[in-house]
């Protein structure tokens, strides 16, 4: 999954829906502020960034496992 693709933005949208639904605990909206300064940083809040990277990695594993 490459940054800037439709797939990337769909995964990011699902992650943010999960955050808002409380799956990852309560996070204020300011923690979801995007950061495009570096290719591996997606959010300004470090904890949210780590959670998104884990979420994206899980998505990639599931995609590899179930795509045939």
N, C-alpha and C. Protein backbone atom coordinates (compact mmCIF):
# COMPACT_ATOMS: atom_id res chain seq x y z
N UNK A 1 0.86 -1.16 0.00
CA UNK A 1 0.00 0.00 0.00
C UNK A 1 0.91 1.23 0.00
N UNK A 2 0.70 2.05 -0.95
CA UNK A 2 1.53 3.24 -1.11
C UNK A 2 0.78 4.49 -0.67
N UNK A 3 1.50 5.38 -0.02
CA UNK A 3 0.90 6.64 0.43
C UNK A 3 0.40 7.44 -0.77
N UNK A 4 -0.79 7.98 -0.64
CA UNK A 4 -1.35 8.80 -1.71
C UNK A 4 -2.28 8.03 -2.65
N UNK A 5 -2.38 6.71 -2.46
CA UNK A 5 -3.26 5.92 -3.31
C UNK A 5 -4.66 5.86 -2.70
N UNK A 6 -5.59 5.44 -3.51
CA UNK A 6 -6.97 5.30 -3.04
C UNK A 6 -7.04 4.28 -1.89
N UNK A 7 -6.30 3.20 -2.02
CA UNK A 7 -6.28 2.16 -0.99
C UNK A 7 -5.77 2.73 0.34
N UNK A 8 -4.72 3.54 0.28
CA UNK A 8 -4.16 4.15 1.49
C UNK A 8 -5.21 5.00 2.20
N UNK A 9 -5.91 5.83 1.44
CA UNK A 9 -6.90 6.71 2.04
C UNK A 9 -8.11 5.93 2.57
N UNK A 10 -8.43 4.79 1.96
CA UNK A 10 -9.51 3.95 2.48
C UNK A 10 -9.11 3.33 3.81
N UNK A 11 -7.88 2.84 3.91
CA UNK A 11 -7.39 2.27 5.17
C UNK A 11 -7.33 3.34 6.25
N UNK A 12 -6.85 4.52 5.90
CA UNK A 12 -6.76 5.62 6.84
C UNK A 12 -8.15 6.02 7.34
N UNK A 13 -9.11 6.04 6.45
CA UNK A 13 -10.49 6.37 6.82
C UNK A 13 -11.05 5.34 7.79
N UNK A 14 -10.82 4.06 7.53
CA UNK A 14 -11.29 3.00 8.43
C UNK A 14 -10.62 3.10 9.80
N UNK A 15 -9.34 3.43 9.81
CA UNK A 15 -8.63 3.62 11.09
C UNK A 15 -9.27 4.74 11.89
N UNK A 16 -9.53 5.87 11.24
CA UNK A 16 -10.11 7.01 11.94
C UNK A 16 -11.53 6.70 12.41
N UNK A 17 -12.29 5.91 11.65
CA UNK A 17 -13.62 5.50 12.11
C UNK A 17 -13.50 4.65 13.38
N UNK A 18 -12.50 3.77 13.41
CA UNK A 18 -12.27 2.93 14.58
C UNK A 18 -11.89 3.74 15.79
N UNK A 19 -11.08 4.76 15.59
CA UNK A 19 -10.68 5.64 16.69
C UNK A 19 -11.91 6.37 17.22
N UNK A 20 -12.72 6.90 16.31
CA UNK A 20 -13.92 7.63 16.73
C UNK A 20 -14.93 6.72 17.42
N UNK A 21 -14.96 5.45 17.03
CA UNK A 21 -15.89 4.50 17.63
C UNK A 21 -15.40 4.01 18.99
N UNK A 22 -14.19 4.37 19.35
CA UNK A 22 -13.67 3.99 20.66
C UNK A 22 -12.89 2.69 20.67
N UNK A 23 -12.57 2.15 19.50
CA UNK A 23 -11.83 0.90 19.47
C UNK A 23 -10.40 1.06 19.98
N UNK A 24 -9.85 2.24 19.85
CA UNK A 24 -8.48 2.48 20.30
C UNK A 24 -8.44 3.43 21.48
N UNK A 25 -9.54 3.59 22.16
CA UNK A 25 -9.60 4.53 23.27
C UNK A 25 -9.99 5.91 22.79
N UNK A 26 -10.23 6.79 23.72
CA UNK A 26 -10.63 8.15 23.37
C UNK A 26 -9.43 8.97 22.93
N UNK A 27 -9.53 9.57 21.77
CA UNK A 27 -8.49 10.48 21.29
C UNK A 27 -9.16 11.76 20.83
N UNK A 28 -8.70 12.89 21.32
CA UNK A 28 -9.26 14.15 20.83
C UNK A 28 -8.99 14.34 19.35
N UNK A 29 -9.78 15.12 18.69
CA UNK A 29 -9.64 15.35 17.25
C UNK A 29 -8.27 15.92 16.91
N UNK A 30 -7.67 16.71 17.79
CA UNK A 30 -6.37 17.29 17.48
C UNK A 30 -5.28 16.22 17.34
N UNK A 31 -5.49 15.05 17.95
CA UNK A 31 -4.51 13.97 17.82
C UNK A 31 -4.55 13.32 16.44
N UNK A 32 -5.61 13.58 15.69
CA UNK A 32 -5.71 13.02 14.34
C UNK A 32 -5.24 14.00 13.28
N UNK A 33 -4.56 15.05 13.70
CA UNK A 33 -4.03 16.01 12.75
C UNK A 33 -2.97 15.33 11.89
N UNK A 34 -3.09 15.48 10.60
CA UNK A 34 -2.17 14.81 9.68
C UNK A 34 -0.82 15.49 9.65
N UNK A 35 0.19 14.70 9.30
CA UNK A 35 1.55 15.21 9.20
C UNK A 35 2.19 14.59 7.96
N UNK A 36 2.55 15.40 6.99
CA UNK A 36 3.16 14.91 5.76
C UNK A 36 4.64 15.24 5.67
N UNK A 37 5.29 15.50 6.81
CA UNK A 37 6.68 15.93 6.78
C UNK A 37 7.65 14.81 6.41
N UNK A 38 7.33 13.58 6.78
CA UNK A 38 8.20 12.44 6.47
C UNK A 38 7.34 11.30 5.96
N UNK A 39 7.92 10.41 5.17
CA UNK A 39 7.11 9.34 4.57
C UNK A 39 6.54 8.33 5.56
N UNK A 40 7.14 8.18 6.73
CA UNK A 40 6.67 7.19 7.69
C UNK A 40 5.89 7.81 8.85
N UNK A 41 5.66 9.11 8.81
CA UNK A 41 4.87 9.78 9.84
C UNK A 41 3.54 10.19 9.22
N UNK A 42 2.45 9.73 9.84
CA UNK A 42 1.12 9.98 9.29
C UNK A 42 0.31 10.95 10.15
N UNK A 43 0.55 10.93 11.45
CA UNK A 43 -0.16 11.81 12.39
C UNK A 43 0.86 12.50 13.28
N UNK A 44 0.52 13.67 13.79
CA UNK A 44 1.44 14.42 14.65
C UNK A 44 1.60 13.76 16.01
N UNK A 45 0.57 13.12 16.52
CA UNK A 45 0.64 12.43 17.80
C UNK A 45 1.37 11.10 17.60
N UNK A 46 2.43 10.87 18.34
CA UNK A 46 3.26 9.67 18.16
C UNK A 46 2.48 8.39 18.45
N UNK A 47 1.65 8.38 19.48
CA UNK A 47 0.89 7.18 19.82
C UNK A 47 -0.11 6.83 18.72
N UNK A 48 -0.76 7.84 18.17
CA UNK A 48 -1.70 7.61 17.08
C UNK A 48 -0.95 7.12 15.85
N UNK A 49 0.22 7.68 15.61
CA UNK A 49 1.02 7.27 14.47
C UNK A 49 1.41 5.79 14.58
N UNK A 50 1.83 5.38 15.76
CA UNK A 50 2.20 3.98 15.98
C UNK A 50 0.98 3.07 15.81
N UNK A 51 -0.16 3.49 16.33
CA UNK A 51 -1.38 2.70 16.19
C UNK A 51 -1.78 2.57 14.72
N UNK A 52 -1.65 3.66 13.96
CA UNK A 52 -2.00 3.58 12.53
C UNK A 52 -1.04 2.66 11.78
N UNK A 53 0.23 2.73 12.10
CA UNK A 53 1.20 1.85 11.42
C UNK A 53 0.90 0.39 11.73
N UNK A 54 0.51 0.08 12.96
CA UNK A 54 0.13 -1.29 13.32
C UNK A 54 -1.15 -1.70 12.59
N UNK A 55 -2.10 -0.80 12.51
CA UNK A 55 -3.36 -1.05 11.81
C UNK A 55 -3.08 -1.34 10.33
N UNK A 56 -2.23 -0.52 9.71
CA UNK A 56 -1.90 -0.69 8.30
C UNK A 56 -1.14 -2.00 8.06
N UNK A 57 -0.27 -2.37 9.00
CA UNK A 57 0.46 -3.63 8.87
C UNK A 57 -0.50 -4.82 8.96
N UNK A 58 -1.46 -4.73 9.87
CA UNK A 58 -2.47 -5.79 9.97
C UNK A 58 -3.30 -5.89 8.71
N UNK A 59 -3.64 -4.76 8.14
CA UNK A 59 -4.37 -4.74 6.87
C UNK A 59 -3.56 -5.42 5.77
N UNK A 60 -2.25 -5.11 5.70
CA UNK A 60 -1.39 -5.69 4.66
C UNK A 60 -1.28 -7.21 4.82
N UNK A 61 -1.15 -7.68 6.06
CA UNK A 61 -1.08 -9.13 6.31
C UNK A 61 -2.38 -9.80 5.89
N UNK A 62 -3.51 -9.22 6.27
CA UNK A 62 -4.79 -9.80 5.89
C UNK A 62 -4.98 -9.80 4.38
N UNK A 63 -4.54 -8.76 3.73
CA UNK A 63 -4.67 -8.68 2.28
C UNK A 63 -3.85 -9.78 1.62
N UNK A 64 -2.64 -9.99 2.10
CA UNK A 64 -1.78 -11.06 1.55
C UNK A 64 -2.38 -12.44 1.82
N UNK A 65 -2.93 -12.61 2.99
CA UNK A 65 -3.47 -13.91 3.40
C UNK A 65 -4.72 -14.29 2.60
N UNK A 66 -5.60 -13.34 2.39
CA UNK A 66 -6.91 -13.65 1.80
C UNK A 66 -7.02 -13.35 0.32
N UNK A 67 -6.07 -12.64 -0.25
CA UNK A 67 -6.11 -12.34 -1.67
C UNK A 67 -5.49 -13.49 -2.46
N UNK A 68 -6.25 -14.01 -3.40
CA UNK A 68 -5.72 -15.12 -4.21
C UNK A 68 -6.06 -14.97 -5.65
